[in-house]
N, C-alpha and C. Protein backbone atom coordinates (compact mmCIF):
# COMPACT_ATOMS: atom_id res chain seq x y z
N GLU A 1 -15.43 -115.09 182.03
CA GLU A 1 -14.34 -115.32 181.55
C GLU A 1 -13.94 -114.78 179.85
N MET A 2 -15.33 -115.04 179.12
CA MET A 2 -15.16 -115.02 177.92
C MET A 2 -14.95 -113.46 177.48
N LEU A 3 -15.74 -113.01 178.35
CA LEU A 3 -15.66 -111.11 178.14
C LEU A 3 -14.33 -110.51 178.79
N SER A 4 -13.65 -111.17 179.53
CA SER A 4 -12.53 -110.84 180.08
C SER A 4 -11.37 -111.16 178.93
N LEU A 5 -11.52 -111.84 177.90
CA LEU A 5 -10.51 -112.17 176.90
C LEU A 5 -10.68 -111.01 175.89
N ARG A 6 -11.81 -110.23 175.93
CA ARG A 6 -11.87 -109.17 174.84
C ARG A 6 -11.86 -107.78 175.64
N ILE A 7 -12.47 -107.74 176.74
CA ILE A 7 -12.48 -106.35 177.62
C ILE A 7 -11.45 -106.18 178.79
N ALA A 8 -10.70 -105.32 178.75
CA ALA A 8 -9.52 -105.19 179.63
C ALA A 8 -10.28 -104.09 180.50
N ASP A 9 -11.09 -103.22 180.54
CA ASP A 9 -11.74 -102.31 181.28
C ASP A 9 -12.32 -102.99 182.34
N ARG A 10 -11.78 -103.19 183.84
CA ARG A 10 -12.59 -103.72 184.80
C ARG A 10 -13.63 -102.91 185.29
N GLN A 11 -14.02 -101.94 184.80
CA GLN A 11 -15.07 -101.12 185.38
C GLN A 11 -16.43 -101.56 184.54
N LEU A 12 -15.84 -101.78 183.24
CA LEU A 12 -17.07 -102.10 182.36
C LEU A 12 -17.45 -103.64 182.70
N LEU A 13 -16.35 -104.25 183.02
CA LEU A 13 -16.71 -105.93 183.41
C LEU A 13 -17.58 -105.83 184.72
N ARG A 14 -17.32 -104.91 185.90
CA ARG A 14 -18.09 -104.68 186.67
C ARG A 14 -19.66 -104.42 186.47
N LEU A 15 -19.50 -103.66 185.93
CA LEU A 15 -20.78 -103.03 185.08
C LEU A 15 -21.81 -104.26 184.69
N ILE A 16 -21.24 -104.83 184.00
CA ILE A 16 -21.79 -106.18 183.34
C ILE A 16 -22.26 -107.04 184.28
N LYS A 17 -21.58 -107.13 185.29
CA LYS A 17 -21.84 -108.12 186.32
C LYS A 17 -23.13 -107.57 186.96
N LYS A 18 -23.03 -106.08 187.29
CA LYS A 18 -24.29 -105.42 187.93
C LYS A 18 -25.48 -105.86 186.91
N TRP A 19 -25.42 -105.68 185.66
CA TRP A 19 -26.53 -105.99 184.92
C TRP A 19 -26.97 -107.27 184.78
N LEU A 20 -26.19 -108.50 185.15
CA LEU A 20 -26.62 -109.66 185.27
C LEU A 20 -27.29 -110.33 186.20
N LYS A 21 -26.96 -109.13 187.53
CA LYS A 21 -27.66 -109.34 188.74
C LYS A 21 -28.95 -108.52 188.79
N ALA A 22 -29.11 -107.56 188.04
CA ALA A 22 -30.26 -106.70 188.14
C ALA A 22 -31.56 -107.40 187.77
N GLY A 23 -32.63 -107.17 188.02
CA GLY A 23 -33.80 -107.69 187.71
C GLY A 23 -34.27 -107.33 186.41
N VAL A 24 -35.62 -108.12 185.56
CA VAL A 24 -36.10 -107.60 184.71
C VAL A 24 -37.40 -107.33 185.18
N LEU A 25 -38.06 -106.11 184.82
CA LEU A 25 -39.36 -105.58 185.10
C LEU A 25 -40.46 -106.27 184.22
N GLU A 26 -41.47 -107.05 184.90
CA GLU A 26 -42.52 -107.86 183.83
C GLU A 26 -43.60 -107.00 183.54
N THR A 27 -44.42 -107.19 182.53
CA THR A 27 -45.41 -106.34 182.23
C THR A 27 -46.56 -106.21 183.55
N ASP A 28 -46.44 -107.30 184.20
CA ASP A 28 -47.43 -106.92 185.53
C ASP A 28 -46.67 -106.27 186.58
N GLY A 29 -45.65 -105.82 186.58
CA GLY A 29 -45.06 -104.75 187.29
C GLY A 29 -44.12 -105.41 188.27
N THR A 30 -44.05 -106.91 188.33
CA THR A 30 -43.37 -107.57 189.20
C THR A 30 -41.79 -107.41 188.61
N VAL A 31 -40.93 -107.97 189.57
CA VAL A 31 -39.47 -107.79 189.08
C VAL A 31 -38.91 -109.38 189.33
N MET A 32 -38.20 -109.80 188.16
CA MET A 32 -37.75 -111.30 188.22
C MET A 32 -36.50 -111.16 188.32
N HIS A 33 -35.61 -111.89 189.05
CA HIS A 33 -34.82 -111.83 189.18
C HIS A 33 -34.12 -113.34 188.74
N PRO A 34 -33.12 -113.50 187.85
CA PRO A 34 -32.91 -114.75 187.42
C PRO A 34 -31.83 -115.48 188.57
N ASP A 35 -31.75 -116.81 188.61
CA ASP A 35 -30.77 -117.50 189.12
C ASP A 35 -29.27 -117.18 188.50
N THR A 36 -29.31 -117.73 187.62
CA THR A 36 -28.08 -117.75 186.74
C THR A 36 -28.40 -117.08 185.31
N GLY A 37 -27.06 -116.59 184.76
CA GLY A 37 -27.11 -116.16 183.40
C GLY A 37 -27.85 -114.79 183.11
N SER A 38 -27.93 -114.87 181.84
CA SER A 38 -28.29 -113.38 181.23
C SER A 38 -30.02 -113.59 181.61
N PRO A 39 -30.81 -112.50 181.96
CA PRO A 39 -32.06 -112.46 181.79
C PRO A 39 -32.91 -112.47 180.50
N GLN A 40 -33.69 -113.26 180.30
CA GLN A 40 -34.48 -113.22 179.00
C GLN A 40 -35.05 -111.76 178.85
N GLY A 41 -34.88 -110.94 177.96
CA GLY A 41 -35.48 -109.86 177.94
C GLY A 41 -34.87 -108.56 178.45
N GLY A 42 -33.45 -109.04 179.19
CA GLY A 42 -32.53 -108.03 179.60
C GLY A 42 -32.00 -107.09 178.44
N VAL A 43 -31.46 -105.75 178.73
CA VAL A 43 -30.83 -105.04 177.71
C VAL A 43 -29.74 -105.58 177.27
N ILE A 44 -28.91 -106.19 178.26
CA ILE A 44 -27.69 -106.81 177.81
C ILE A 44 -27.44 -108.04 176.95
N SER A 45 -28.61 -108.92 177.43
CA SER A 45 -28.82 -110.23 176.82
C SER A 45 -28.18 -110.47 175.24
N PRO A 46 -28.47 -109.74 174.60
CA PRO A 46 -28.24 -109.99 173.01
C PRO A 46 -26.77 -109.97 173.09
N MET A 47 -26.08 -108.92 173.57
CA MET A 47 -24.76 -108.81 173.37
C MET A 47 -24.25 -109.84 174.18
N LEU A 48 -24.51 -110.11 175.15
CA LEU A 48 -23.70 -111.35 175.92
C LEU A 48 -23.74 -112.61 175.19
N ALA A 49 -24.94 -113.08 174.43
CA ALA A 49 -25.31 -114.40 173.88
C ALA A 49 -24.48 -114.27 172.69
N ASN A 50 -24.16 -113.14 172.00
CA ASN A 50 -23.19 -113.06 170.97
C ASN A 50 -21.88 -113.23 171.21
N VAL A 51 -21.50 -112.66 172.36
CA VAL A 51 -19.89 -113.12 172.59
C VAL A 51 -20.04 -114.45 173.06
N TYR A 52 -20.78 -115.00 173.85
CA TYR A 52 -20.87 -116.52 174.32
C TYR A 52 -20.60 -117.47 173.08
N LEU A 53 -21.71 -117.15 171.95
CA LEU A 53 -21.73 -118.04 170.90
C LEU A 53 -20.50 -117.79 169.98
N HIS A 54 -19.87 -116.67 170.13
CA HIS A 54 -18.62 -116.57 169.19
C HIS A 54 -17.42 -117.25 169.60
N TYR A 55 -17.46 -117.47 170.84
CA TYR A 55 -16.26 -118.51 171.63
C TYR A 55 -16.77 -119.71 171.64
N THR A 56 -18.10 -120.12 171.80
CA THR A 56 -18.68 -121.56 171.79
C THR A 56 -18.83 -122.16 170.41
N LEU A 57 -19.16 -121.46 169.38
CA LEU A 57 -19.60 -121.93 168.25
C LEU A 57 -19.01 -121.41 166.95
N ASP A 58 -18.80 -120.31 166.43
CA ASP A 58 -18.07 -119.35 165.72
C ASP A 58 -16.49 -119.96 165.62
N LEU A 59 -15.79 -119.55 166.35
CA LEU A 59 -14.16 -120.07 166.59
C LEU A 59 -14.21 -121.51 166.58
N TRP A 60 -14.93 -122.40 167.17
CA TRP A 60 -15.01 -123.90 167.19
C TRP A 60 -15.24 -124.36 166.00
N PHE A 61 -16.28 -123.52 165.22
CA PHE A 61 -16.55 -124.22 163.80
C PHE A 61 -15.26 -123.74 162.71
N GLN A 62 -14.92 -122.59 162.92
CA GLN A 62 -13.77 -122.19 162.07
C GLN A 62 -12.47 -123.07 162.16
N ASP A 63 -11.78 -123.22 163.57
CA ASP A 63 -10.96 -123.84 163.93
C ASP A 63 -10.83 -125.43 163.83
N VAL A 64 -12.04 -125.88 164.31
CA VAL A 64 -11.95 -127.25 164.29
C VAL A 64 -12.82 -128.05 163.32
N VAL A 65 -13.86 -127.68 162.98
CA VAL A 65 -15.06 -128.28 162.16
C VAL A 65 -14.50 -128.14 160.73
N LYS A 66 -14.24 -127.03 160.25
CA LYS A 66 -13.64 -126.81 158.76
C LYS A 66 -12.48 -127.66 158.59
N GLN A 67 -11.67 -127.73 159.38
CA GLN A 67 -10.43 -128.69 159.35
C GLN A 67 -10.59 -129.93 158.94
N HIS A 68 -11.63 -130.49 159.63
CA HIS A 68 -12.01 -131.99 159.32
C HIS A 68 -13.07 -132.47 158.38
N CYS A 69 -13.43 -131.39 157.72
CA CYS A 69 -14.29 -131.78 156.50
C CYS A 69 -13.47 -131.65 155.33
N GLN A 70 -14.41 -132.84 154.60
CA GLN A 70 -13.61 -133.21 153.17
C GLN A 70 -13.98 -132.13 152.13
N GLY A 71 -14.78 -131.31 152.44
CA GLY A 71 -15.20 -130.23 151.22
C GLY A 71 -15.39 -129.11 151.82
N GLU A 72 -15.87 -127.94 151.27
CA GLU A 72 -16.50 -126.61 151.69
C GLU A 72 -17.32 -126.70 152.97
N ALA A 73 -17.34 -125.84 153.70
CA ALA A 73 -18.36 -125.62 154.99
C ALA A 73 -18.25 -124.17 155.20
N CYS A 74 -19.66 -123.74 155.75
CA CYS A 74 -19.81 -122.53 155.98
C CYS A 74 -20.65 -122.41 157.16
N LEU A 75 -20.64 -121.46 157.85
CA LEU A 75 -21.55 -120.86 159.18
C LEU A 75 -22.08 -119.89 159.03
N ILE A 76 -23.42 -119.45 158.89
CA ILE A 76 -23.85 -118.21 159.04
C ILE A 76 -24.98 -118.05 160.22
N ARG A 77 -24.51 -117.11 161.10
CA ARG A 77 -25.14 -116.97 162.21
C ARG A 77 -25.63 -115.57 162.39
N TYR A 78 -26.65 -115.44 163.11
CA TYR A 78 -27.30 -114.05 163.32
C TYR A 78 -28.11 -114.27 164.76
N ALA A 79 -27.30 -113.59 165.84
CA ALA A 79 -27.68 -113.79 167.14
C ALA A 79 -27.76 -115.29 167.41
N ASP A 80 -28.77 -115.95 168.21
CA ASP A 80 -28.65 -117.29 168.61
C ASP A 80 -29.34 -118.13 167.07
N ASP A 81 -29.54 -117.64 166.15
CA ASP A 81 -30.09 -118.48 164.89
C ASP A 81 -28.85 -118.57 163.87
N PHE A 82 -28.61 -119.86 163.57
CA PHE A 82 -27.41 -120.20 162.67
C PHE A 82 -27.91 -121.30 161.60
N VAL A 83 -27.40 -121.28 160.46
CA VAL A 83 -27.47 -122.38 159.59
C VAL A 83 -25.92 -122.56 158.98
N CYS A 84 -25.53 -123.78 158.68
CA CYS A 84 -24.66 -124.52 158.52
C CYS A 84 -24.64 -124.98 157.08
N GLY A 85 -23.60 -124.86 156.00
CA GLY A 85 -23.56 -125.63 154.83
C GLY A 85 -22.63 -126.18 154.51
N PHE A 86 -22.59 -127.43 154.10
CA PHE A 86 -21.60 -128.60 153.97
C PHE A 86 -21.77 -129.00 152.53
N GLU A 87 -20.37 -129.15 151.86
CA GLU A 87 -20.34 -129.69 150.78
C GLU A 87 -20.83 -131.37 150.46
N HIS A 88 -20.24 -131.99 151.56
CA HIS A 88 -20.71 -133.31 151.75
C HIS A 88 -21.71 -133.69 152.95
N GLU A 89 -22.52 -134.70 152.58
CA GLU A 89 -23.47 -134.90 153.68
C GLU A 89 -22.86 -135.60 154.91
N GLN A 90 -21.77 -136.37 154.65
CA GLN A 90 -21.25 -136.86 155.98
C GLN A 90 -20.56 -135.98 156.59
N ASP A 91 -19.99 -134.99 156.29
CA ASP A 91 -19.49 -133.60 156.93
C ASP A 91 -20.75 -133.21 157.79
N ALA A 92 -21.75 -133.17 157.46
CA ALA A 92 -23.06 -132.35 158.04
C ALA A 92 -23.48 -133.69 159.04
N GLN A 93 -23.43 -134.82 159.02
CA GLN A 93 -23.90 -135.78 159.83
C GLN A 93 -22.81 -135.57 161.02
N ARG A 94 -21.53 -135.70 160.85
CA ARG A 94 -20.72 -135.42 161.85
C ARG A 94 -20.70 -134.29 162.56
N PHE A 95 -20.85 -133.17 161.97
CA PHE A 95 -21.14 -131.95 162.69
C PHE A 95 -22.14 -131.87 163.73
N TYR A 96 -23.58 -132.49 162.89
CA TYR A 96 -24.67 -132.61 163.75
C TYR A 96 -24.35 -133.39 165.02
N LYS A 97 -23.69 -134.48 164.99
CA LYS A 97 -23.42 -135.32 166.25
C LYS A 97 -22.60 -134.34 167.40
N ALA A 98 -21.53 -134.01 166.65
CA ALA A 98 -20.37 -133.06 167.41
C ALA A 98 -21.22 -131.99 168.24
N MET A 99 -22.01 -131.18 167.38
CA MET A 99 -22.50 -129.94 167.78
C MET A 99 -23.33 -130.10 168.84
N GLY A 100 -24.14 -131.12 169.01
CA GLY A 100 -24.97 -131.47 170.23
C GLY A 100 -24.13 -131.42 171.67
N LEU A 101 -23.16 -132.34 171.30
CA LEU A 101 -22.06 -132.47 172.27
C LEU A 101 -21.21 -131.15 173.02
N ARG A 102 -20.86 -130.29 171.83
CA ARG A 102 -20.24 -128.99 172.09
C ARG A 102 -21.14 -128.18 172.77
N LEU A 103 -22.52 -128.09 172.25
CA LEU A 103 -23.38 -127.08 173.00
C LEU A 103 -23.49 -127.42 174.35
N GLU A 104 -23.85 -128.61 174.72
CA GLU A 104 -24.13 -129.41 175.97
C GLU A 104 -22.85 -128.93 177.01
N LYS A 105 -21.77 -128.99 176.53
CA LYS A 105 -20.56 -128.69 177.15
C LYS A 105 -20.61 -127.30 177.92
N PHE A 106 -21.57 -126.42 177.16
CA PHE A 106 -21.26 -124.98 177.43
C PHE A 106 -22.64 -124.73 178.15
N GLY A 107 -23.52 -125.61 178.30
CA GLY A 107 -24.81 -125.31 179.23
C GLY A 107 -25.95 -124.99 178.22
N LEU A 108 -25.66 -125.13 176.77
CA LEU A 108 -26.88 -124.94 175.69
C LEU A 108 -27.49 -126.18 175.07
N ARG A 109 -28.41 -126.06 174.36
CA ARG A 109 -29.16 -127.15 173.93
C ARG A 109 -29.72 -126.90 172.53
N LEU A 110 -29.71 -127.49 171.50
CA LEU A 110 -30.39 -127.29 170.38
C LEU A 110 -31.88 -127.35 170.58
N ALA A 111 -32.59 -126.53 169.74
CA ALA A 111 -33.97 -126.94 169.44
C ALA A 111 -34.44 -127.87 168.45
N ALA A 112 -34.83 -128.79 169.13
CA ALA A 112 -35.00 -130.11 168.15
C ALA A 112 -35.97 -129.76 167.00
N ALA A 113 -36.89 -129.04 167.34
CA ALA A 113 -38.19 -128.50 166.17
C ALA A 113 -37.52 -127.74 164.96
N LYS A 114 -36.33 -127.19 165.48
CA LYS A 114 -35.66 -126.23 164.47
C LYS A 114 -34.39 -126.74 163.74
N THR A 115 -34.08 -127.93 164.38
CA THR A 115 -32.59 -128.52 163.79
C THR A 115 -33.06 -129.85 163.08
N ARG A 116 -32.60 -129.86 161.79
CA ARG A 116 -32.38 -130.70 160.71
C ARG A 116 -31.65 -130.78 159.82
N ILE A 117 -31.33 -132.05 159.16
CA ILE A 117 -30.28 -132.00 157.86
C ILE A 117 -30.96 -131.83 156.72
N LEU A 118 -30.84 -131.08 155.80
CA LEU A 118 -31.70 -131.43 154.49
C LEU A 118 -30.83 -131.10 153.41
N ARG A 119 -31.02 -132.13 152.22
CA ARG A 119 -30.18 -131.92 151.02
C ARG A 119 -30.67 -130.58 150.32
N PHE A 120 -29.82 -129.43 150.07
CA PHE A 120 -30.36 -128.30 149.54
C PHE A 120 -29.10 -127.97 148.23
N GLY A 121 -29.49 -128.69 147.43
CA GLY A 121 -28.52 -128.32 146.17
C GLY A 121 -29.28 -128.09 145.15
N ARG A 122 -28.58 -127.71 143.76
CA ARG A 122 -29.15 -127.29 142.64
C ARG A 122 -30.06 -128.57 141.91
N SER A 123 -31.42 -128.35 141.67
CA SER A 123 -32.26 -129.29 141.27
C SER A 123 -33.32 -128.87 140.38
N ASP A 124 -33.59 -129.27 139.33
CA ASP A 124 -34.91 -128.97 138.64
C ASP A 124 -36.14 -129.44 138.89
N GLU A 125 -35.93 -130.17 140.10
CA GLU A 125 -37.22 -131.06 140.24
C GLU A 125 -38.26 -130.02 141.13
N PRO A 126 -39.54 -130.16 140.82
CA PRO A 126 -40.42 -129.41 141.78
C PRO A 126 -40.31 -130.31 143.29
N GLY A 127 -40.37 -129.35 144.25
CA GLY A 127 -40.60 -129.70 145.50
C GLY A 127 -39.17 -130.02 146.00
N THR A 128 -38.20 -129.11 145.70
CA THR A 128 -36.87 -129.41 146.49
C THR A 128 -37.04 -128.56 147.87
N PRO A 129 -36.13 -128.96 148.81
CA PRO A 129 -36.40 -128.49 149.88
C PRO A 129 -36.21 -126.96 150.24
N ARG A 130 -36.83 -126.59 151.15
CA ARG A 130 -36.94 -125.23 151.70
C ARG A 130 -36.66 -125.04 152.78
N PHE A 131 -36.31 -123.75 153.37
CA PHE A 131 -35.97 -123.56 154.72
C PHE A 131 -36.03 -122.31 155.05
N ASP A 132 -36.39 -121.86 156.46
CA ASP A 132 -36.70 -120.77 156.86
C ASP A 132 -35.99 -120.15 157.51
N PHE A 133 -35.11 -119.15 157.46
CA PHE A 133 -34.19 -118.30 158.27
C PHE A 133 -34.20 -117.05 158.27
N LEU A 134 -34.29 -116.30 159.58
CA LEU A 134 -34.45 -114.97 159.70
C LEU A 134 -35.60 -114.36 159.15
N GLY A 135 -36.93 -114.99 159.20
CA GLY A 135 -37.89 -114.48 158.39
C GLY A 135 -38.07 -114.68 157.12
N PHE A 136 -37.06 -115.34 156.46
CA PHE A 136 -37.21 -115.72 154.74
C PHE A 136 -37.30 -117.04 154.80
N GLU A 137 -37.75 -117.41 153.50
CA GLU A 137 -37.70 -118.79 153.04
C GLU A 137 -36.74 -118.78 151.95
N PHE A 138 -35.82 -119.74 152.00
CA PHE A 138 -34.86 -119.89 150.75
C PHE A 138 -35.21 -121.34 150.16
N PHE A 139 -34.95 -120.92 148.91
CA PHE A 139 -35.30 -122.34 147.64
C PHE A 139 -34.47 -121.80 146.72
N TRP A 140 -34.52 -123.11 145.80
CA TRP A 140 -33.69 -122.94 144.36
C TRP A 140 -34.72 -123.00 143.51
N GLY A 141 -34.40 -121.91 142.81
CA GLY A 141 -35.14 -121.48 141.50
C GLY A 141 -34.69 -120.66 140.49
N PRO A 142 -35.48 -120.83 139.13
CA PRO A 142 -34.54 -119.93 138.04
C PRO A 142 -34.29 -118.57 138.18
N ASP A 143 -33.33 -118.19 137.68
CA ASP A 143 -33.43 -116.66 137.67
C ASP A 143 -33.81 -115.98 136.43
N ARG A 144 -33.44 -114.75 136.04
CA ARG A 144 -34.04 -114.32 134.55
C ARG A 144 -33.68 -115.09 133.51
N LYS A 145 -32.29 -115.42 133.39
CA LYS A 145 -31.67 -116.34 132.68
C LYS A 145 -32.19 -117.60 132.61
N GLY A 146 -32.82 -118.14 133.34
CA GLY A 146 -33.25 -119.49 133.55
C GLY A 146 -32.14 -120.51 134.29
N GLU A 147 -31.14 -119.76 135.06
CA GLU A 147 -30.18 -120.50 135.60
C GLU A 147 -30.81 -120.89 137.08
N GLN A 148 -30.29 -121.83 137.61
CA GLN A 148 -30.91 -122.32 139.11
C GLN A 148 -29.91 -121.40 140.03
N ARG A 149 -30.83 -120.66 140.96
CA ARG A 149 -30.04 -119.88 141.90
C ARG A 149 -30.87 -119.71 142.93
N VAL A 150 -30.22 -119.62 144.18
CA VAL A 150 -30.76 -119.57 145.63
C VAL A 150 -31.71 -118.46 145.52
N GLN A 151 -32.83 -118.65 145.76
CA GLN A 151 -34.08 -117.45 145.72
C GLN A 151 -34.47 -117.36 147.44
N ARG A 152 -35.19 -116.01 147.64
CA ARG A 152 -35.61 -115.95 149.02
C ARG A 152 -36.82 -115.14 148.87
N ARG A 153 -37.67 -115.36 149.65
CA ARG A 153 -38.82 -114.47 150.01
C ARG A 153 -39.47 -114.47 151.39
N THR A 154 -40.22 -113.69 151.68
CA THR A 154 -40.69 -113.40 153.10
C THR A 154 -41.50 -115.07 153.37
N SER A 155 -41.15 -115.35 154.61
CA SER A 155 -41.51 -116.79 155.05
C SER A 155 -42.76 -116.61 155.01
N ARG A 156 -43.73 -117.91 154.67
CA ARG A 156 -45.18 -117.80 154.87
C ARG A 156 -45.80 -117.43 155.85
N LYS A 157 -44.96 -117.97 157.12
CA LYS A 157 -45.75 -117.89 158.51
C LYS A 157 -45.68 -116.47 158.98
N LYS A 158 -44.27 -115.81 158.49
CA LYS A 158 -44.22 -114.20 158.80
C LYS A 158 -45.09 -113.63 158.34
N LEU A 159 -45.41 -113.74 156.80
CA LEU A 159 -46.43 -113.02 156.06
C LEU A 159 -47.81 -113.00 156.73
N ARG A 160 -48.01 -114.43 157.13
CA ARG A 160 -49.86 -114.57 157.58
C ARG A 160 -49.72 -113.88 158.74
N ASN A 161 -48.72 -113.86 159.55
CA ASN A 161 -48.78 -113.10 161.32
C ASN A 161 -48.88 -111.78 160.74
N SER A 162 -48.08 -111.09 159.71
CA SER A 162 -48.02 -109.93 159.53
C SER A 162 -49.40 -109.63 159.06
N LEU A 163 -50.08 -109.93 158.09
CA LEU A 163 -51.30 -109.88 157.53
C LEU A 163 -52.50 -109.96 158.73
N ALA A 164 -52.54 -110.81 159.70
CA ALA A 164 -53.38 -111.03 160.71
C ALA A 164 -53.27 -109.72 161.53
N ASN A 165 -52.07 -109.28 161.80
CA ASN A 165 -51.79 -108.32 162.78
C ASN A 165 -52.14 -106.95 162.17
N PHE A 166 -51.91 -106.78 160.77
CA PHE A 166 -52.51 -105.75 160.07
C PHE A 166 -53.96 -105.60 159.97
N THR A 167 -54.78 -106.69 159.60
CA THR A 167 -56.08 -106.85 159.50
C THR A 167 -56.72 -106.48 160.98
N GLN A 168 -56.05 -107.12 162.04
CA GLN A 168 -56.61 -106.54 163.39
C GLN A 168 -56.73 -105.19 163.81
N TRP A 169 -55.56 -104.28 163.26
CA TRP A 169 -55.48 -103.05 163.38
C TRP A 169 -56.42 -102.43 162.66
N CYS A 170 -56.68 -102.62 161.47
CA CYS A 170 -57.61 -101.88 160.65
C CYS A 170 -58.93 -102.07 161.08
N LYS A 171 -59.18 -103.39 161.66
CA LYS A 171 -60.72 -103.42 162.22
C LYS A 171 -60.98 -102.77 163.55
N GLN A 172 -59.48 -102.72 164.46
CA GLN A 172 -59.49 -101.66 165.54
C GLN A 172 -59.65 -100.18 165.26
N SER A 173 -59.10 -99.54 164.04
CA SER A 173 -58.87 -98.57 163.86
C SER A 173 -59.84 -97.67 162.94
N ARG A 174 -60.71 -98.65 162.30
CA ARG A 174 -61.57 -97.87 161.00
C ARG A 174 -62.46 -96.92 161.60
N HIS A 175 -62.78 -96.67 162.80
CA HIS A 175 -63.76 -95.70 163.19
C HIS A 175 -62.94 -94.57 164.02
N VAL A 176 -61.94 -94.47 164.06
CA VAL A 176 -60.90 -93.61 164.75
C VAL A 176 -60.55 -92.43 163.39
N PRO A 177 -60.75 -91.22 164.01
CA PRO A 177 -60.42 -90.01 162.76
C PRO A 177 -59.07 -90.15 162.21
N LEU A 178 -58.69 -89.77 161.09
CA LEU A 178 -57.33 -89.97 160.62
C LEU A 178 -56.43 -88.98 161.69
N ARG A 179 -56.94 -87.53 161.96
CA ARG A 179 -55.80 -86.91 162.58
C ARG A 179 -55.36 -87.53 163.90
N LYS A 180 -56.10 -88.55 164.58
CA LYS A 180 -55.61 -89.23 165.91
C LYS A 180 -55.12 -90.46 165.28
N LEU A 181 -55.17 -90.99 164.34
CA LEU A 181 -54.19 -92.07 163.82
C LEU A 181 -53.05 -91.56 163.32
N PHE A 182 -52.87 -90.49 162.42
CA PHE A 182 -51.58 -90.19 161.94
C PHE A 182 -51.59 -88.35 162.50
N PRO A 183 -51.09 -88.37 163.44
CA PRO A 183 -51.07 -86.74 164.08
C PRO A 183 -50.07 -86.25 163.37
């Protein structure tokens, strides 16, 4: 239904339905057919997730949530990951409660381990809150002029995983001739 609001081409809509019914080839050679929804790892899954979340979250945030906030509010979303910023804590608390109900209405739920409310404002105190988003860690810190600004760096977890993978590759490849490694 959400796709038909944006796509008038019936042939394309029919093709999308076929994609949804098509199975996904697993690494062991078996084909998995999902009962409902978009198959995990399917070619069309990211596009459909974006369309679904656009109507379920983005428009709702813009048209409903922001209208009921006392201060400024923003939503930053990339695929199914998002961060919301609020000027007032009570706005964040209200949104947190309403968001669970909103997503539940559309058959979605929040990942409890990834969901939290934190105070993220300018502060000179050490140990101010930090958060990870899209592989980066965001925190407040002084810029070159000494003024507090939002800073970012590669997430520690992502960096550790990348270094571990690189170390493993080096160990496996150290005896392979360079011409084979880099043809």
